[in-house]
């Protein structure tokens, strides 16, 4: 059965609290699918040259 979300969402869901990952995209990070699968989690994103640094804050 295929997974219900893409690579970016998978990376967000695997992040441990306090850890960060780099997402190379020019568009803002969309958390809607990640929130459906893990509503208790929260992330913060900072724009960097060439992408976003996303940190899980809880």
Protein backbone atom coordinates (compact mmCIF):
# COMPACT_ATOMS: atom_id res chain seq x y z
CA UNK A 1 0.00 0.00 0.00
CA UNK A 2 1.47 3.40 -0.92
CA UNK A 3 2.15 5.90 1.83
CA UNK A 4 -0.29 8.79 2.20
CA UNK A 5 2.34 11.53 2.28
CA UNK A 6 5.50 12.69 0.54
CA UNK A 7 9.19 12.88 1.41
CA UNK A 8 9.02 16.27 3.16
CA UNK A 9 6.21 15.13 5.45
CA UNK A 10 8.08 11.91 6.18
CA UNK A 11 11.14 13.90 7.23
CA UNK A 12 9.02 16.17 9.46
CA UNK A 13 7.39 13.20 11.18
CA UNK A 14 10.75 11.50 11.83
CA UNK A 15 12.33 14.57 13.48
CA UNK A 16 12.93 14.32 17.20
CA UNK A 17 12.24 17.35 19.43
CA UNK A 18 15.05 19.90 19.19
CA UNK A 19 16.45 18.41 15.96
CA UNK A 20 16.54 20.19 12.60
CA UNK A 21 16.60 19.28 8.94
CA UNK A 22 17.12 21.23 5.73
CA UNK A 23 14.40 21.23 3.09
CA UNK A 24 15.46 22.54 -0.30
CA UNK A 25 12.39 24.27 -1.62
CA UNK A 26 11.66 27.82 -2.66
CA UNK A 27 8.09 27.60 -1.32
CA UNK A 28 7.10 27.75 2.34
CA UNK A 29 6.87 24.45 4.15
CA UNK A 30 3.28 23.13 4.28
CA UNK A 31 2.59 21.45 7.62
CA UNK A 32 -1.05 20.49 6.96
CA UNK A 33 -0.43 16.80 6.18
CA UNK A 34 2.11 16.42 9.00
CA UNK A 35 -0.40 17.93 11.45
CA UNK A 36 -3.05 15.42 10.34
CA UNK A 37 -0.71 12.54 11.19
CA UNK A 38 0.78 14.07 14.37
CA UNK A 39 -1.40 16.90 15.74
CA UNK A 40 0.58 17.10 19.01
CA UNK A 41 3.81 18.06 17.23
CA UNK A 42 4.96 21.55 16.21
CA UNK A 43 7.74 22.81 13.93
CA UNK A 44 9.44 26.13 13.24
CA UNK A 45 10.96 27.03 9.87
CA UNK A 46 13.61 29.62 9.03
CA UNK A 47 14.32 30.67 5.48
CA UNK A 48 17.91 30.09 4.43
CA UNK A 49 19.63 30.54 1.11
CA UNK A 50 18.41 27.69 -1.08
CA UNK A 51 15.71 26.35 1.24
CA UNK A 52 14.36 26.11 4.78
CA UNK A 53 15.76 24.91 8.10
CA UNK A 54 12.93 23.19 9.96
CA UNK A 55 13.20 22.48 13.69
CA UNK A 56 10.77 20.38 15.69
CA UNK A 57 9.87 22.33 18.82
CA UNK A 58 7.58 19.79 20.48
